[in-house]
Each structure stands twice: as C-alpha cells, then as structure tokens.
Amino acid sequence: MLALVPLKSTALDPAAFGHPIRVACVGDSITQGVGTQHPEEDSYPARLQTLLGKDWVVHNFGVGGRTLLRKADPFDYGGALQFAPDVVIIALGTNDSKTAIWGAHQGEFTDDYVAMIRAFQALPNHPQVWACLPPPAFPGNWGITEDVLRDGVLPGVKKAAQITGIPWIDLHAPLLGNHSWFPDTVHPNEAGAKRIAELVAAELTKR
C-alpha cells in the first residue's frame, strides 16, 4: 500500500479576498486552550491570530471533550458553518482515540471525517479546508492513547483528506520530542500551543 502524502497548498493572499480572511478553528479542548493559563491569549487560535495579523479574523470554535465520530461526543459544527469561513482548520481525533470510543466506532471514523469536510466545502463561498493530524499523547490520559492516535487516527485523517482532496497539517511529528509541552500528557501548554499556531500559520502563508 502506498503511503499517503499531503496535497500541496498555496499561500493565501488577503488582497485576493477583498476582506479579512475568516478562519474557523474547529476542534476539541486542545483548540479551546485547555492546558494554557489564559486561553483567550494563549490558545493556538489566539496565537494564530497574532501571527497572521489584521488581515485575518481567527475564531476559536474549540469545545472540550468533542469527537469527530458522530456516534460518540460529536463536535457540532453548525456555528462554524454559520461563521461563513474562508478557511477551516479541523483539529479533531484526540478524544476519538479513547479506548471505548475507538473500539466501538473506528470503522466509521474516515467516513464521518469526510462528511464534516464536505459540509464545509459545500458552503456557498467554498472555503479552503485543512485537516490536522492530532498532537501526540505522552502516552495519554482519560483513555486517550498514543498508540491509537499513531496507528488509527492519523491514517484515518490522511485517508479522509485524500478522499476529499484537501491538504493536512502535521501537528504530530513536530511535537513528538517535546513531552514537557504537555504537562498532563495530552493538552499543550503555552509553548505547545504557540508551536501549533506556528505550524498552522506556516501552512496558510507558506512562510
């Protein structure tokens, strides 16, 4: 079986939009900013806003405990759809790796991911969507496991991205050597959130 590789994407130019580029950060507690002292300033979407500047509007749609799988604790993306984003960053899958959830529904993960991506792609303005490979767990907590993330969730995200023709952003491998950034073994602290924001910003702007 051939290894899946991310599609190449081009830098987004705010001038081409005629308005600040609207970015919807869809995710769980990691996106929400759990693990940082001041999520309104230190979550990865807040850091992303700072990095991108005034020509972008970044909205944090992160909700703790949410899954991509629709039969578990699914993320309700209705608000993100109503936001009418130009860009969507999906960072889900960490909670899906919980033993009970993954064991019962792993076969549905890719299909559910594809459905979410296509819901955003169907918006009238046809936003550009990126899927994120979830950050690592060290080795995990609350039933979240690095083994399932690595061997199950990551391949599922890549497959969904390939099916829908979108690129993905690797938030896993670049953080593997930084256990200290994950004090509770799952949620990144300020340094970890900053690094995630840098990885996302680099993909959007090709800096």
N, C-alpha and C. Protein backbone atom coordinates (compact mmCIF):
# COMPACT_ATOMS: atom_id res chain seq x y z
N MET A 1 0.85 -1.20 0.00
CA MET A 1 0.00 0.00 0.00
C MET A 1 0.88 1.25 0.00
N LEU A 2 0.61 2.17 -0.88
CA LEU A 2 1.40 3.39 -0.98
C LEU A 2 1.11 4.30 0.21
N ALA A 3 2.16 4.95 0.69
CA ALA A 3 1.98 5.91 1.79
C ALA A 3 1.25 7.14 1.27
N LEU A 4 0.35 7.64 2.10
CA LEU A 4 -0.37 8.86 1.73
C LEU A 4 0.50 10.06 2.02
N VAL A 5 0.52 11.00 1.10
CA VAL A 5 1.29 12.22 1.29
C VAL A 5 0.34 13.40 1.18
N PRO A 6 0.58 14.48 1.94
CA PRO A 6 -0.36 15.61 1.90
C PRO A 6 -0.31 16.33 0.58
N LEU A 7 -1.47 16.82 0.14
CA LEU A 7 -1.51 17.66 -1.04
C LEU A 7 -0.81 18.97 -0.78
N LYS A 8 -0.20 19.51 -1.79
CA LYS A 8 0.44 20.82 -1.65
C LYS A 8 -0.63 21.90 -1.70
N SER A 9 -0.47 22.92 -0.89
CA SER A 9 -1.39 24.05 -0.91
C SER A 9 -0.60 25.32 -1.17
N THR A 10 -1.28 26.34 -1.62
CA THR A 10 -0.63 27.60 -1.91
C THR A 10 -0.95 28.61 -0.82
N ALA A 11 -0.08 29.58 -0.67
CA ALA A 11 -0.30 30.63 0.33
C ALA A 11 -1.56 31.42 0.01
N LEU A 12 -2.27 31.82 1.03
CA LEU A 12 -3.47 32.62 0.85
C LEU A 12 -3.10 34.10 0.87
N ASP A 13 -3.67 34.86 -0.04
CA ASP A 13 -3.39 36.28 -0.17
C ASP A 13 -4.62 37.08 0.25
N PRO A 14 -4.57 37.77 1.40
CA PRO A 14 -5.73 38.54 1.83
C PRO A 14 -6.22 39.54 0.79
N ALA A 15 -5.32 40.08 -0.01
CA ALA A 15 -5.72 41.06 -1.02
C ALA A 15 -6.65 40.44 -2.05
N ALA A 16 -6.51 39.14 -2.27
CA ALA A 16 -7.35 38.48 -3.27
C ALA A 16 -8.78 38.28 -2.77
N PHE A 17 -8.97 38.36 -1.46
CA PHE A 17 -10.30 38.15 -0.89
C PHE A 17 -11.10 39.44 -0.83
N GLY A 18 -10.44 40.56 -0.72
CA GLY A 18 -11.13 41.83 -0.61
C GLY A 18 -11.68 42.10 0.77
N HIS A 19 -11.36 41.23 1.71
CA HIS A 19 -11.79 41.39 3.10
C HIS A 19 -10.87 40.53 3.97
N PRO A 20 -10.82 40.78 5.26
CA PRO A 20 -10.00 39.92 6.12
C PRO A 20 -10.42 38.45 5.98
N ILE A 21 -9.44 37.58 5.87
CA ILE A 21 -9.71 36.16 5.70
C ILE A 21 -10.24 35.58 7.01
N ARG A 22 -11.40 34.95 6.93
CA ARG A 22 -12.07 34.41 8.11
C ARG A 22 -11.64 32.96 8.30
N VAL A 23 -11.06 32.69 9.47
CA VAL A 23 -10.51 31.36 9.77
C VAL A 23 -11.31 30.73 10.91
N ALA A 24 -11.89 29.57 10.67
CA ALA A 24 -12.61 28.82 11.70
C ALA A 24 -11.71 27.70 12.21
N CYS A 25 -11.35 27.76 13.48
CA CYS A 25 -10.55 26.71 14.10
C CYS A 25 -11.50 25.75 14.81
N VAL A 26 -11.72 24.61 14.20
CA VAL A 26 -12.65 23.60 14.70
C VAL A 26 -11.86 22.57 15.49
N GLY A 27 -12.30 22.26 16.71
CA GLY A 27 -11.54 21.29 17.47
C GLY A 27 -12.10 21.01 18.84
N ASP A 28 -11.28 20.35 19.64
CA ASP A 28 -11.66 19.93 20.98
C ASP A 28 -10.99 20.82 22.01
N SER A 29 -10.69 20.27 23.19
CA SER A 29 -10.11 21.08 24.26
C SER A 29 -8.72 21.60 23.93
N ILE A 30 -8.00 20.91 23.06
CA ILE A 30 -6.68 21.39 22.66
C ILE A 30 -6.83 22.70 21.89
N THR A 31 -7.80 22.77 20.99
CA THR A 31 -8.09 24.01 20.29
C THR A 31 -8.65 25.05 21.24
N GLN A 32 -9.53 24.63 22.13
CA GLN A 32 -10.15 25.54 23.10
C GLN A 32 -9.10 26.26 23.94
N GLY A 33 -8.01 25.57 24.24
CA GLY A 33 -6.94 26.18 25.02
C GLY A 33 -6.77 25.60 26.39
N VAL A 34 -7.43 24.48 26.68
CA VAL A 34 -7.21 23.79 27.95
C VAL A 34 -5.73 23.40 28.03
N GLY A 35 -5.13 23.68 29.16
CA GLY A 35 -3.69 23.44 29.32
C GLY A 35 -2.89 24.72 29.34
N THR A 36 -3.51 25.81 28.89
CA THR A 36 -2.86 27.13 28.96
C THR A 36 -3.51 27.94 30.08
N GLN A 37 -2.77 28.87 30.64
CA GLN A 37 -3.29 29.66 31.76
C GLN A 37 -4.35 30.66 31.30
N HIS A 38 -4.17 31.21 30.12
CA HIS A 38 -5.09 32.23 29.61
C HIS A 38 -5.46 31.88 28.16
N PRO A 39 -6.45 30.99 27.98
CA PRO A 39 -6.80 30.54 26.63
C PRO A 39 -7.14 31.67 25.67
N GLU A 40 -7.72 32.76 26.20
CA GLU A 40 -8.08 33.86 25.31
C GLU A 40 -6.85 34.53 24.69
N GLU A 41 -5.70 34.29 25.30
CA GLU A 41 -4.45 34.84 24.77
C GLU A 41 -3.48 33.77 24.29
N ASP A 42 -3.54 32.59 24.90
CA ASP A 42 -2.51 31.59 24.70
C ASP A 42 -2.95 30.35 23.93
N SER A 43 -4.25 30.17 23.68
CA SER A 43 -4.67 29.03 22.88
C SER A 43 -4.05 29.15 21.49
N TYR A 44 -4.00 28.04 20.78
CA TYR A 44 -3.37 28.13 19.46
C TYR A 44 -4.13 29.06 18.52
N PRO A 45 -5.49 29.10 18.54
CA PRO A 45 -6.15 30.08 17.66
C PRO A 45 -5.82 31.53 18.02
N ALA A 46 -5.69 31.83 19.31
CA ALA A 46 -5.32 33.19 19.71
C ALA A 46 -3.92 33.52 19.23
N ARG A 47 -3.01 32.57 19.38
CA ARG A 47 -1.65 32.78 18.88
C ARG A 47 -1.63 32.90 17.36
N LEU A 48 -2.48 32.13 16.71
CA LEU A 48 -2.56 32.19 15.26
C LEU A 48 -3.01 33.57 14.80
N GLN A 49 -3.98 34.14 15.50
CA GLN A 49 -4.44 35.49 15.16
C GLN A 49 -3.29 36.49 15.23
N THR A 50 -2.48 36.38 16.28
CA THR A 50 -1.34 37.29 16.44
C THR A 50 -0.34 37.11 15.30
N LEU A 51 -0.08 35.88 14.94
CA LEU A 51 0.89 35.61 13.88
C LEU A 51 0.41 36.09 12.53
N LEU A 52 -0.88 35.93 12.24
CA LEU A 52 -1.40 36.27 10.93
C LEU A 52 -1.65 37.77 10.76
N GLY A 53 -2.08 38.43 11.83
CA GLY A 53 -2.24 39.88 11.78
C GLY A 53 -3.63 40.34 11.38
N LYS A 54 -3.75 41.62 11.13
CA LYS A 54 -5.04 42.30 10.97
C LYS A 54 -5.79 41.91 9.70
N ASP A 55 -5.12 41.28 8.75
CA ASP A 55 -5.79 40.89 7.52
C ASP A 55 -6.50 39.54 7.64
N TRP A 56 -6.53 39.03 8.86
CA TRP A 56 -7.17 37.74 9.14
C TRP A 56 -8.06 37.89 10.37
N VAL A 57 -9.15 37.11 10.41
CA VAL A 57 -10.02 37.04 11.59
C VAL A 57 -10.12 35.57 11.98
N VAL A 58 -9.51 35.23 13.10
CA VAL A 58 -9.47 33.84 13.56
C VAL A 58 -10.49 33.65 14.67
N HIS A 59 -11.36 32.64 14.52
CA HIS A 59 -12.36 32.36 15.55
C HIS A 59 -12.11 30.97 16.12
N ASN A 60 -12.10 30.89 17.45
CA ASN A 60 -11.86 29.64 18.16
C ASN A 60 -13.19 28.92 18.39
N PHE A 61 -13.40 27.82 17.69
CA PHE A 61 -14.60 27.01 17.87
C PHE A 61 -14.32 25.75 18.69
N GLY A 62 -13.20 25.72 19.40
CA GLY A 62 -12.86 24.54 20.18
C GLY A 62 -13.82 24.29 21.33
N VAL A 63 -14.21 23.03 21.51
CA VAL A 63 -15.10 22.63 22.60
C VAL A 63 -14.52 21.37 23.24
N GLY A 64 -14.30 21.42 24.54
CA GLY A 64 -13.70 20.31 25.25
C GLY A 64 -14.50 19.02 25.15
N GLY A 65 -13.79 17.92 25.02
CA GLY A 65 -14.40 16.60 25.04
C GLY A 65 -15.01 16.13 23.74
N ARG A 66 -14.96 16.93 22.70
CA ARG A 66 -15.66 16.58 21.48
C ARG A 66 -14.85 15.63 20.59
N THR A 67 -15.60 14.82 19.86
CA THR A 67 -15.01 13.86 18.95
C THR A 67 -15.39 14.20 17.51
N LEU A 68 -14.69 13.57 16.59
CA LEU A 68 -15.07 13.63 15.18
C LEU A 68 -16.18 12.63 14.92
N LEU A 69 -16.12 11.50 15.57
CA LEU A 69 -17.11 10.44 15.38
C LEU A 69 -18.50 10.90 15.80
N ARG A 70 -19.45 10.66 14.92
CA ARG A 70 -20.81 11.16 15.16
C ARG A 70 -21.57 10.35 16.20
N LYS A 71 -21.14 9.12 16.48
CA LYS A 71 -21.82 8.29 17.46
C LYS A 71 -21.18 8.35 18.84
N ALA A 72 -20.25 9.26 19.04
CA ALA A 72 -19.60 9.42 20.34
C ALA A 72 -20.04 10.75 20.96
N ASP A 73 -19.13 11.70 21.05
CA ASP A 73 -19.45 13.04 21.57
C ASP A 73 -19.14 14.04 20.46
N PRO A 74 -19.94 14.07 19.43
CA PRO A 74 -19.56 14.77 18.19
C PRO A 74 -19.51 16.29 18.33
N PHE A 75 -18.56 16.85 17.63
CA PHE A 75 -18.46 18.32 17.52
C PHE A 75 -19.64 18.82 16.69
N ASP A 76 -20.35 19.80 17.23
CA ASP A 76 -21.45 20.43 16.50
C ASP A 76 -20.88 21.59 15.70
N TYR A 77 -20.77 21.41 14.40
CA TYR A 77 -20.11 22.43 13.59
C TYR A 77 -21.08 23.41 12.94
N GLY A 78 -22.31 23.45 13.45
CA GLY A 78 -23.28 24.40 12.92
C GLY A 78 -22.84 25.84 13.06
N GLY A 79 -22.28 26.20 14.21
CA GLY A 79 -21.81 27.56 14.42
C GLY A 79 -20.67 27.92 13.50
N ALA A 80 -19.78 26.96 13.26
CA ALA A 80 -18.66 27.21 12.35
C ALA A 80 -19.15 27.39 10.92
N LEU A 81 -20.19 26.66 10.53
CA LEU A 81 -20.77 26.84 9.20
C LEU A 81 -21.38 28.24 9.07
N GLN A 82 -22.10 28.67 10.11
CA GLN A 82 -22.74 29.99 10.08
C GLN A 82 -21.71 31.12 10.06
N PHE A 83 -20.53 30.86 10.54
CA PHE A 83 -19.44 31.85 10.54
C PHE A 83 -19.02 32.20 9.11
N ALA A 84 -19.40 31.35 8.16
CA ALA A 84 -19.05 31.53 6.74
C ALA A 84 -17.54 31.72 6.57
N PRO A 85 -16.76 30.76 7.02
CA PRO A 85 -15.30 30.91 6.97
C PRO A 85 -14.75 30.84 5.56
N ASP A 86 -13.62 31.49 5.37
CA ASP A 86 -12.85 31.34 4.14
C ASP A 86 -11.87 30.18 4.27
N VAL A 87 -11.50 29.90 5.51
CA VAL A 87 -10.54 28.85 5.84
C VAL A 87 -11.08 28.06 7.03
N VAL A 88 -10.96 26.75 6.96
CA VAL A 88 -11.36 25.89 8.07
C VAL A 88 -10.18 25.01 8.45
N ILE A 89 -9.83 25.03 9.73
CA ILE A 89 -8.78 24.17 10.27
C ILE A 89 -9.45 23.17 11.19
N ILE A 90 -9.48 21.90 10.79
CA ILE A 90 -10.11 20.86 11.61
C ILE A 90 -9.03 20.14 12.41
N ALA A 91 -9.14 20.21 13.73
CA ALA A 91 -8.18 19.55 14.62
C ALA A 91 -8.96 18.70 15.62
N LEU A 92 -9.44 17.56 15.14
CA LEU A 92 -10.19 16.61 15.96
C LEU A 92 -9.56 15.23 15.81
N GLY A 93 -9.89 14.35 16.75
CA GLY A 93 -9.38 12.98 16.68
C GLY A 93 -8.76 12.52 17.98
N THR A 94 -8.33 13.45 18.83
CA THR A 94 -7.71 13.07 20.09
C THR A 94 -8.68 12.30 20.97
N ASN A 95 -9.87 12.82 21.16
CA ASN A 95 -10.85 12.13 22.00
C ASN A 95 -11.37 10.86 21.34
N ASP A 96 -11.32 10.79 20.03
CA ASP A 96 -11.75 9.58 19.32
C ASP A 96 -10.85 8.40 19.66
N SER A 97 -9.62 8.68 20.10
CA SER A 97 -8.68 7.59 20.40
C SER A 97 -8.97 6.91 21.72
N LYS A 98 -9.91 7.43 22.50
CA LYS A 98 -10.25 6.79 23.78
C LYS A 98 -10.64 5.34 23.53
N THR A 99 -10.18 4.47 24.38
CA THR A 99 -10.31 3.04 24.17
C THR A 99 -11.74 2.62 23.84
N ALA A 100 -12.71 3.05 24.64
CA ALA A 100 -14.09 2.62 24.43
C ALA A 100 -14.66 3.18 23.14
N ILE A 101 -14.33 4.42 22.83
CA ILE A 101 -14.86 5.06 21.62
C ILE A 101 -14.26 4.44 20.37
N TRP A 102 -12.94 4.35 20.33
CA TRP A 102 -12.29 3.82 19.14
C TRP A 102 -12.64 2.36 18.92
N GLY A 103 -12.71 1.62 19.99
CA GLY A 103 -13.03 0.20 19.87
C GLY A 103 -14.39 -0.04 19.27
N ALA A 104 -15.34 0.85 19.55
CA ALA A 104 -16.70 0.66 19.07
C ALA A 104 -16.95 1.26 17.69
N HIS A 105 -16.20 2.31 17.33
CA HIS A 105 -16.59 3.09 16.14
C HIS A 105 -15.45 3.37 15.16
N GLN A 106 -14.31 2.73 15.32
CA GLN A 106 -13.17 3.09 14.48
C GLN A 106 -13.47 2.95 12.99
N GLY A 107 -14.34 2.00 12.63
CA GLY A 107 -14.65 1.80 11.23
C GLY A 107 -15.43 2.94 10.59
N GLU A 108 -15.95 3.84 11.44
CA GLU A 108 -16.76 4.95 10.94
C GLU A 108 -15.97 6.27 10.88
N PHE A 109 -14.75 6.25 11.37
CA PHE A 109 -14.01 7.50 11.55
C PHE A 109 -13.78 8.23 10.23
N THR A 110 -13.25 7.55 9.25
CA THR A 110 -12.94 8.22 7.98
C THR A 110 -14.19 8.74 7.30
N ASP A 111 -15.26 7.94 7.28
CA ASP A 111 -16.50 8.39 6.66
C ASP A 111 -17.06 9.62 7.36
N ASP A 112 -17.01 9.64 8.69
CA ASP A 112 -17.51 10.80 9.43
C ASP A 112 -16.63 12.03 9.18
N TYR A 113 -15.34 11.81 9.04
CA TYR A 113 -14.43 12.93 8.75
C TYR A 113 -14.73 13.49 7.36
N VAL A 114 -14.92 12.62 6.41
CA VAL A 114 -15.26 13.05 5.05
C VAL A 114 -16.54 13.86 5.04
N ALA A 115 -17.54 13.42 5.82
CA ALA A 115 -18.81 14.13 5.88
C ALA A 115 -18.63 15.55 6.42
N MET A 116 -17.79 15.71 7.45
CA MET A 116 -17.55 17.04 8.00
C MET A 116 -16.85 17.93 6.98
N ILE A 117 -15.82 17.41 6.36
CA ILE A 117 -15.09 18.19 5.36
C ILE A 117 -16.04 18.65 4.25
N ARG A 118 -16.85 17.74 3.77
CA ARG A 118 -17.74 18.07 2.65
C ARG A 118 -18.83 19.06 3.05
N ALA A 119 -19.21 19.05 4.32
CA ALA A 119 -20.19 20.04 4.79
C ALA A 119 -19.61 21.45 4.67
N PHE A 120 -18.34 21.61 4.99
CA PHE A 120 -17.71 22.92 4.84
C PHE A 120 -17.46 23.24 3.37
N GLN A 121 -17.04 22.26 2.61
CA GLN A 121 -16.78 22.50 1.18
C GLN A 121 -18.05 22.91 0.44
N ALA A 122 -19.21 22.53 0.96
CA ALA A 122 -20.47 22.82 0.29
C ALA A 122 -20.99 24.23 0.58
N LEU A 123 -20.32 24.97 1.47
CA LEU A 123 -20.75 26.34 1.73
C LEU A 123 -20.67 27.17 0.45
N PRO A 124 -21.52 28.20 0.32
CA PRO A 124 -21.54 29.00 -0.92
C PRO A 124 -20.19 29.60 -1.30
N ASN A 125 -19.38 29.95 -0.28
CA ASN A 125 -18.08 30.56 -0.60
C ASN A 125 -16.97 29.54 -0.76
N HIS A 126 -17.28 28.25 -0.62
CA HIS A 126 -16.33 27.16 -0.84
C HIS A 126 -14.99 27.41 -0.12
N PRO A 127 -15.01 27.38 1.20
CA PRO A 127 -13.77 27.64 1.95
C PRO A 127 -12.71 26.58 1.69
N GLN A 128 -11.47 26.97 1.91
CA GLN A 128 -10.37 26.03 1.85
C GLN A 128 -10.28 25.34 3.22
N VAL A 129 -10.17 24.03 3.19
CA VAL A 129 -10.21 23.23 4.42
C VAL A 129 -8.88 22.51 4.59
N TRP A 130 -8.37 22.53 5.80
CA TRP A 130 -7.19 21.75 6.17
C TRP A 130 -7.57 20.77 7.28
N ALA A 131 -7.09 19.55 7.21
CA ALA A 131 -7.24 18.58 8.28
C ALA A 131 -5.92 18.52 9.05
N CYS A 132 -5.99 18.46 10.35
CA CYS A 132 -4.78 18.39 11.18
C CYS A 132 -4.58 16.99 11.73
N LEU A 133 -3.36 16.49 11.65
CA LEU A 133 -3.01 15.28 12.38
C LEU A 133 -2.88 15.67 13.85
N PRO A 134 -3.61 15.01 14.76
CA PRO A 134 -3.61 15.45 16.16
C PRO A 134 -2.23 15.40 16.80
N PRO A 135 -2.00 16.27 17.79
CA PRO A 135 -0.75 16.23 18.53
C PRO A 135 -0.57 14.89 19.23
N PRO A 136 0.66 14.56 19.58
CA PRO A 136 0.90 13.29 20.28
C PRO A 136 0.38 13.31 21.70
N ALA A 137 0.25 12.12 22.28
CA ALA A 137 -0.03 11.96 23.70
C ALA A 137 1.19 11.31 24.34
N PHE A 138 1.44 11.59 25.62
CA PHE A 138 2.70 11.18 26.27
C PHE A 138 2.49 10.38 27.56
N PRO A 139 2.00 9.19 27.59
CA PRO A 139 1.44 8.41 26.49
C PRO A 139 -0.06 8.62 26.36
N GLY A 140 -0.63 9.40 27.31
CA GLY A 140 -2.05 9.67 27.24
C GLY A 140 -2.69 9.74 28.62
N ASN A 141 -3.97 10.05 28.64
CA ASN A 141 -4.74 10.20 29.87
C ASN A 141 -6.21 10.11 29.49
N TRP A 142 -7.08 9.88 30.46
CA TRP A 142 -8.52 9.83 30.20
C TRP A 142 -8.90 8.83 29.11
N GLY A 143 -8.11 7.79 28.96
CA GLY A 143 -8.38 6.79 27.93
C GLY A 143 -7.83 7.15 26.57
N ILE A 144 -7.26 8.34 26.43
CA ILE A 144 -6.61 8.77 25.18
C ILE A 144 -5.25 8.07 25.10
N THR A 145 -4.96 7.47 23.96
CA THR A 145 -3.73 6.69 23.84
C THR A 145 -2.93 7.07 22.60
N GLU A 146 -1.63 7.17 22.78
CA GLU A 146 -0.74 7.48 21.67
C GLU A 146 -0.75 6.38 20.62
N ASP A 147 -0.83 5.12 21.06
CA ASP A 147 -0.83 4.02 20.11
C ASP A 147 -1.98 4.13 19.12
N VAL A 148 -3.18 4.43 19.63
CA VAL A 148 -4.35 4.55 18.75
C VAL A 148 -4.24 5.80 17.88
N LEU A 149 -3.74 6.90 18.46
CA LEU A 149 -3.54 8.10 17.66
C LEU A 149 -2.63 7.80 16.48
N ARG A 150 -1.50 7.18 16.77
CA ARG A 150 -0.50 6.93 15.72
C ARG A 150 -0.97 5.92 14.69
N ASP A 151 -1.53 4.81 15.16
CA ASP A 151 -1.83 3.70 14.27
C ASP A 151 -3.24 3.71 13.69
N GLY A 152 -4.14 4.50 14.30
CA GLY A 152 -5.51 4.51 13.84
C GLY A 152 -6.01 5.86 13.38
N VAL A 153 -5.91 6.86 14.27
CA VAL A 153 -6.47 8.18 13.96
C VAL A 153 -5.70 8.86 12.84
N LEU A 154 -4.37 8.89 12.93
CA LEU A 154 -3.59 9.58 11.90
C LEU A 154 -3.84 9.02 10.50
N PRO A 155 -3.80 7.71 10.31
CA PRO A 155 -4.11 7.18 8.98
C PRO A 155 -5.54 7.51 8.54
N GLY A 156 -6.48 7.55 9.49
CA GLY A 156 -7.86 7.90 9.15
C GLY A 156 -8.00 9.33 8.67
N VAL A 157 -7.28 10.25 9.32
CA VAL A 157 -7.30 11.65 8.91
C VAL A 157 -6.70 11.79 7.50
N LYS A 158 -5.58 11.13 7.29
CA LYS A 158 -4.92 11.22 5.98
C LYS A 158 -5.82 10.67 4.87
N LYS A 159 -6.50 9.58 5.15
CA LYS A 159 -7.37 8.99 4.14
C LYS A 159 -8.54 9.92 3.81
N ALA A 160 -9.13 10.52 4.87
CA ALA A 160 -10.24 11.46 4.64
C ALA A 160 -9.78 12.66 3.82
N ALA A 161 -8.57 13.15 4.11
CA ALA A 161 -8.04 14.27 3.35
C ALA A 161 -7.82 13.90 1.90
N GLN A 162 -7.31 12.69 1.68
CA GLN A 162 -7.09 12.24 0.30
C GLN A 162 -8.42 12.12 -0.45
N ILE A 163 -9.43 11.55 0.18
CA ILE A 163 -10.73 11.35 -0.46
C ILE A 163 -11.34 12.69 -0.87
N THR A 164 -11.21 13.70 -0.01
CA THR A 164 -11.85 14.99 -0.25
C THR A 164 -10.96 15.98 -0.97
N GLY A 165 -9.71 15.60 -1.21
CA GLY A 165 -8.81 16.46 -1.97
C GLY A 165 -8.31 17.67 -1.22
N ILE A 166 -8.12 17.54 0.11
CA ILE A 166 -7.61 18.66 0.89
C ILE A 166 -6.24 18.31 1.46
N PRO A 167 -5.44 19.33 1.81
CA PRO A 167 -4.16 19.07 2.46
C PRO A 167 -4.34 18.83 3.95
N TRP A 168 -3.32 18.26 4.56
CA TRP A 168 -3.34 18.16 6.01
C TRP A 168 -2.11 18.84 6.59
N ILE A 169 -2.23 19.19 7.88
CA ILE A 169 -1.14 19.82 8.61
C ILE A 169 -0.70 18.86 9.70
N ASP A 170 0.58 18.54 9.73
CA ASP A 170 1.10 17.58 10.71
C ASP A 170 1.39 18.29 12.03
N LEU A 171 0.52 18.04 13.02
CA LEU A 171 0.75 18.56 14.37
C LEU A 171 1.27 17.46 15.29
N HIS A 172 1.59 16.32 14.70
CA HIS A 172 2.02 15.17 15.50
C HIS A 172 3.55 15.04 15.53
N ALA A 173 4.14 14.75 14.39
CA ALA A 173 5.59 14.52 14.36
C ALA A 173 6.40 15.70 14.87
N PRO A 174 6.05 16.96 14.53
CA PRO A 174 6.87 18.07 15.00
C PRO A 174 6.86 18.29 16.51
N LEU A 175 5.91 17.67 17.22
CA LEU A 175 5.82 17.86 18.67
C LEU A 175 6.24 16.62 19.45
N LEU A 176 6.63 15.56 18.78
CA LEU A 176 6.93 14.30 19.45
C LEU A 176 8.05 14.42 20.48
N GLY A 177 9.02 15.26 20.23
CA GLY A 177 10.16 15.37 21.13
C GLY A 177 10.00 16.38 22.24
N ASN A 178 8.76 16.81 22.48
CA ASN A 178 8.55 17.89 23.44
C ASN A 178 7.53 17.50 24.52
N HIS A 179 7.86 16.45 25.25
CA HIS A 179 6.98 15.97 26.32
C HIS A 179 6.69 17.09 27.32
N SER A 180 7.65 17.95 27.59
CA SER A 180 7.48 19.00 28.60
C SER A 180 6.40 20.00 28.21
N TRP A 181 6.03 20.04 26.94
CA TRP A 181 4.97 20.95 26.50
C TRP A 181 3.58 20.41 26.80
N PHE A 182 3.50 19.17 27.31
CA PHE A 182 2.22 18.51 27.58
C PHE A 182 2.21 18.04 29.04
N PRO A 183 2.05 18.96 29.98
CA PRO A 183 2.16 18.61 31.40
C PRO A 183 1.21 17.51 31.85
N ASP A 184 -0.01 17.46 31.28
CA ASP A 184 -0.95 16.40 31.68
C ASP A 184 -0.94 15.24 30.69
N THR A 185 0.02 15.23 29.79
CA THR A 185 0.29 14.23 28.76
C THR A 185 -0.63 14.30 27.55
N VAL A 186 -1.57 15.27 27.53
CA VAL A 186 -2.50 15.41 26.40
C VAL A 186 -2.60 16.85 25.91
N HIS A 187 -2.78 17.79 26.84
CA HIS A 187 -3.03 19.19 26.45
C HIS A 187 -1.72 19.98 26.40
N PRO A 188 -1.47 20.69 25.31
CA PRO A 188 -0.26 21.51 25.25
C PRO A 188 -0.36 22.74 26.14
N ASN A 189 0.76 23.12 26.72
CA ASN A 189 0.83 24.36 27.48
C ASN A 189 1.05 25.53 26.52
N GLU A 190 1.44 26.66 27.06
CA GLU A 190 1.62 27.85 26.22
C GLU A 190 2.64 27.63 25.11
N ALA A 191 3.75 26.96 25.45
CA ALA A 191 4.79 26.71 24.45
C ALA A 191 4.28 25.77 23.36
N GLY A 192 3.53 24.75 23.76
CA GLY A 192 2.98 23.82 22.78
C GLY A 192 1.96 24.46 21.87
N ALA A 193 1.08 25.28 22.48
CA ALA A 193 0.06 25.98 21.68
C ALA A 193 0.72 26.94 20.69
N LYS A 194 1.77 27.60 21.14
CA LYS A 194 2.49 28.52 20.26
C LYS A 194 3.07 27.78 19.06
N ARG A 195 3.63 26.59 19.32
CA ARG A 195 4.22 25.82 18.22
C ARG A 195 3.14 25.35 17.24
N ILE A 196 1.99 24.94 17.76
CA ILE A 196 0.89 24.54 16.88
C ILE A 196 0.47 25.72 16.00
N ALA A 197 0.34 26.91 16.61
CA ALA A 197 -0.03 28.09 15.84
C ALA A 197 1.00 28.38 14.75
N GLU A 198 2.26 28.20 15.07
CA GLU A 198 3.32 28.44 14.07
C GLU A 198 3.20 27.46 12.90
N LEU A 199 2.91 26.21 13.20
CA LEU A 199 2.78 25.21 12.14
C LEU A 199 1.59 25.52 11.24
N VAL A 200 0.47 25.94 11.84
CA VAL A 200 -0.71 26.26 11.04
C VAL A 200 -0.46 27.52 10.22
N ALA A 201 0.11 28.54 10.84
CA ALA A 201 0.39 29.79 10.13
C ALA A 201 1.34 29.56 8.96
N ALA A 202 2.32 28.72 9.17
CA ALA A 202 3.28 28.45 8.09
C ALA A 202 2.60 27.79 6.91
N GLU A 203 1.63 26.95 7.17
CA GLU A 203 0.90 26.29 6.08
C GLU A 203 0.02 27.27 5.33
N LEU A 204 -0.63 28.17 6.07
CA LEU A 204 -1.54 29.12 5.43
C LEU A 204 -0.80 30.18 4.62
N THR A 205 0.36 30.56 5.09
CA THR A 205 1.09 31.66 4.45
C THR A 205 2.32 31.22 3.69
N LYS A 206 2.72 29.95 3.88
CA LYS A 206 3.93 29.42 3.25
C LYS A 206 5.17 30.23 3.60
N ARG A 207 5.23 30.66 4.87
CA ARG A 207 6.39 31.41 5.32
C ARG A 207 7.57 30.49 5.54
